[in-house]
Amino acid sequence: MAQEFTFKRGLKKDAPKRVIEALKTCFGVDARLQDDECVVSYGALKKMRVRVGETLVVDTESKRDVPEEVAIDTNARFRCFLDKATGYTTKQRAKKAQEAAKRAADDD
């Protein structure tokens, strides 16, 4: 399932570097961007494809049968990654998503 996230104002310029650092910090993986894309695996994430451009696009594929503590840990690390990569907190990202959905509904 692919999700798209915007970068906080002023953070788009060094987004590729920030995304790699966020992957290393939050997941402890040795990540590298190749053609503005990176694929990693961790815990309950079978595969996470990260694309960096004007926005951050994250496509995840989850493992189904993992212990609950692994799922909770993976979810916390995923939120940590998004916080550091985009510059927005979970609450701020949720608010931006609601605003985008409202604008889309108003356009219809």
C-alpha atoms as a PDB file:
ATOM      1  CA  MET A   1       0.000   0.000   0.000  1.00  0.00           C
ATOM      2  CA  ALA A   2       1.631   3.241  -1.140  1.00  0.00           C
ATOM      3  CA  GLN A   3       1.277   6.420   0.897  1.00  0.00           C
ATOM      4  CA  GLU A   4       2.483   9.882  -0.019  1.00  0.00           C
ATOM      5  CA  PHE A   5       3.806  12.392   2.505  1.00  0.00           C
ATOM      6  CA  THR A   6       4.832  16.010   2.079  1.00  0.00           C
ATOM      7  CA  PHE A   7       7.995  17.452   3.549  1.00  0.00           C
ATOM      8  CA  LYS A   8       7.868  20.269   6.058  1.00  0.00           C
ATOM      9  CA  ARG A   9       8.692  23.648   4.542  1.00  0.00           C
ATOM     10  CA  GLY A  10      12.431  24.080   4.078  1.00  0.00           C
ATOM     11  CA  LEU A  11      13.206  20.372   4.451  1.00  0.00           C
ATOM     12  CA  LYS A  12      12.686  19.265   0.840  1.00  0.00           C
ATOM     13  CA  LYS A  13      16.140  20.438  -0.254  1.00  0.00           C
ATOM     14  CA  ASP A  14      18.071  17.838   1.755  1.00  0.00           C
ATOM     15  CA  ALA A  15      15.279  15.231   1.830  1.00  0.00           C
ATOM     16  CA  PRO A  16      17.331  12.337   0.365  1.00  0.00           C
ATOM     17  CA  LYS A  17      19.995  12.703   3.055  1.00  0.00           C
ATOM     18  CA  ARG A  18      17.373  13.065   5.802  1.00  0.00           C
ATOM     19  CA  VAL A  19      15.450   9.982   4.626  1.00  0.00           C
ATOM     20  CA  ILE A  20      18.594   7.816   4.689  1.00  0.00           C
ATOM     21  CA  GLU A  21      19.531   9.085   8.162  1.00  0.00           C
ATOM     22  CA  ALA A  22      15.966   8.439   9.380  1.00  0.00           C
ATOM     23  CA  LEU A  23      16.080   4.848   8.059  1.00  0.00           C
ATOM     24  CA  LYS A  24      19.406   4.257   9.801  1.00  0.00           C
ATOM     25  CA  THR A  25      18.298   5.874  13.069  1.00  0.00           C
ATOM     26  CA  CYS A  26      14.828   4.366  13.343  1.00  0.00           C
ATOM     27  CA  PHE A  27      15.329   0.931  11.795  1.00  0.00           C
ATOM     28  CA  GLY A  28      19.058   0.416  12.288  1.00  0.00           C
ATOM     29  CA  VAL A  29      19.501  -0.624   8.663  1.00  0.00           C
ATOM     30  CA  ASP A  30      22.284   0.289   6.258  1.00  0.00           C
ATOM     31  CA  ALA A  31      20.187   2.081   3.653  1.00  0.00           C
ATOM     32  CA  ARG A  32      21.231   3.735   0.412  1.00  0.00           C
ATOM     33  CA  LEU A  33      19.213   5.546  -2.208  1.00  0.00           C
ATOM     34  CA  GLN A  34      19.598   4.329  -5.747  1.00  0.00           C
ATOM     35  CA  ASP A  35      17.762   6.431  -8.333  1.00  0.00           C
ATOM     36  CA  ASP A  36      15.939   8.211  -5.467  1.00  0.00           C
ATOM     37  CA  GLU A  37      14.601   4.885  -4.185  1.00  0.00           C
ATOM     38  CA  CYS A  38      15.470   2.551  -1.329  1.00  0.00           C
ATOM     39  CA  VAL A  39      14.067  -0.832  -0.300  1.00  0.00           C
ATOM     40  CA  VAL A  40      14.423  -2.152   3.247  1.00  0.00           C
ATOM     41  CA  SER A  41      12.964  -4.932   5.383  1.00  0.00           C
ATOM     42  CA  TYR A  42      12.481  -4.878   9.145  1.00  0.00           C
ATOM     43  CA  GLY A  43      10.336  -6.691  11.731  1.00  0.00           C
ATOM     44  CA  ALA A  44       6.733  -6.830  10.526  1.00  0.00           C
ATOM     45  CA  LEU A  45       7.647  -5.086   7.276  1.00  0.00           C
ATOM     46  CA  LYS A  46       8.344  -7.696   4.643  1.00  0.00           C
ATOM     47  CA  LYS A  47       9.328  -4.895   2.274  1.00  0.00           C
ATOM     48  CA  MET A  48       9.265  -1.121   2.476  1.00  0.00           C
ATOM     49  CA  ARG A  49      10.026   0.821  -0.699  1.00  0.00           C
ATOM     50  CA  VAL A  50      10.825   4.490  -0.129  1.00  0.00           C
ATOM     51  CA  ARG A  51      10.910   6.985  -3.015  1.00  0.00           C
ATOM     52  CA  VAL A  52      12.148  10.529  -2.532  1.00  0.00           C
ATOM     53  CA  GLY A  53      11.110  13.321  -4.873  1.00  0.00           C
ATOM     54  CA  GLU A  54       8.869  16.336  -4.417  1.00  0.00           C
ATOM     55  CA  THR A  55       7.140  14.162  -1.810  1.00  0.00           C
ATOM     56  CA  LEU A  56       8.028  11.021   0.139  1.00  0.00           C
ATOM     57  CA  VAL A  57       6.271   7.937  -1.206  1.00  0.00           C
ATOM     58  CA  VAL A  58       6.333   4.867   1.020  1.00  0.00           C
ATOM     59  CA  ASP A  59       5.032   1.532  -0.234  1.00  0.00           C
ATOM     60  CA  THR A  60       4.848  -1.198   2.400  1.00  0.00           C
ATOM     61  CA  GLU A  61       4.222  -4.919   2.357  1.00  0.00           C
ATOM     62  CA  SER A  62       3.600  -6.441   5.791  1.00  0.00           C
ATOM     63  CA  LYS A  63       4.278  -9.872   7.211  1.00  0.00           C
ATOM     64  CA  ARG A  64       1.052 -11.384   8.491  1.00  0.00           C
ATOM     65  CA  ASP A  65       2.149 -13.804  11.209  1.00  0.00           C
ATOM     66  CA  VAL A  66       4.420 -11.865  13.541  1.00  0.00           C
ATOM     67  CA  PRO A  67       4.207 -11.649  17.318  1.00  0.00           C
ATOM     68  CA  GLU A  68       2.307  -8.641  18.645  1.00  0.00           C
ATOM     69  CA  GLU A  69       5.429  -7.121  20.204  1.00  0.00           C
ATOM     70  CA  VAL A  70       7.179  -7.221  16.806  1.00  0.00           C
ATOM     71  CA  ALA A  71       4.226  -5.479  15.170  1.00  0.00           C
ATOM     72  CA  ILE A  72       4.137  -2.801  17.892  1.00  0.00           C
ATOM     73  CA  ASP A  73       7.897  -2.223  17.669  1.00  0.00           C
ATOM     74  CA  THR A  74       7.780  -2.010  13.867  1.00  0.00           C
ATOM     75  CA  ASN A  75       4.875   0.455  13.973  1.00  0.00           C
ATOM     76  CA  ALA A  76       6.715   2.685  16.462  1.00  0.00           C
ATOM     77  CA  ARG A  77       9.857   2.629  14.312  1.00  0.00           C
ATOM     78  CA  PHE A  78       7.803   3.407  11.188  1.00  0.00           C
ATOM     79  CA  ARG A  79       6.258   6.463  12.895  1.00  0.00           C
ATOM     80  CA  CYS A  80       9.740   7.526  14.073  1.00  0.00           C
ATOM     81  CA  PHE A  81      10.970   7.252  10.482  1.00  0.00           C
ATOM     82  CA  LEU A  82       8.121   9.379   9.106  1.00  0.00           C
ATOM     83  CA  ASP A  83       8.608  12.009  11.835  1.00  0.00           C
ATOM     84  CA  LYS A  84      12.319  12.380  11.069  1.00  0.00           C
ATOM     85  CA  ALA A  85      12.013  12.068   7.279  1.00  0.00           C
ATOM     86  CA  THR A  86       9.142  14.529   6.756  1.00  0.00           C
ATOM     87  CA  GLY A  87       9.671  16.878   9.705  1.00  0.00           C
ATOM     88  CA  TYR A  88       6.010  16.443  10.692  1.00  0.00           C
ATOM     89  CA  THR A  89       4.729  14.612  13.779  1.00  0.00           C
ATOM     90  CA  THR A  90       2.100  11.883  13.491  1.00  0.00           C
ATOM     91  CA  LYS A  91      -0.572  14.351  14.588  1.00  0.00           C
ATOM     92  CA  GLN A  92       0.538  16.930  12.006  1.00  0.00           C
ATOM     93  CA  ARG A  93       0.568  14.307   9.218  1.00  0.00           C
ATOM     94  CA  ALA A  94      -2.960  13.204  10.165  1.00  0.00           C
ATOM     95  CA  LYS A  95      -4.180  16.807  10.059  1.00  0.00           C
ATOM     96  CA  LYS A  96      -2.566  17.359   6.629  1.00  0.00           C
ATOM     97  CA  ALA A  97      -4.201  14.159   5.332  1.00  0.00           C
ATOM     98  CA  GLN A  98      -7.616  15.320   6.586  1.00  0.00           C
ATOM     99  CA  GLU A  99      -7.140  18.714   4.941  1.00  0.00           C
ATOM    100  CA  ALA A 100      -6.146  17.068   1.647  1.00  0.00           C
ATOM    101  CA  ALA A 101      -9.202  14.785   1.769  1.00  0.00           C
ATOM    102  CA  LYS A 102     -11.466  17.772   2.453  1.00  0.00           C
ATOM    103  CA  ARG A 103      -9.961  19.706  -0.488  1.00  0.00           C
ATOM    104  CA  ALA A 104     -10.470  16.675  -2.745  1.00  0.00           C
ATOM    105  CA  ALA A 105     -14.097  16.367  -1.626  1.00  0.00           C
ATOM    106  CA  ASP A 106     -14.675  20.088  -2.203  1.00  0.00           C
ATOM    107  CA  ASP A 107     -13.279  19.770  -5.740  1.00  0.00           C
ATOM    108  CA  ASP A 108     -15.886  17.133  -6.650  1.00  0.00           C
END
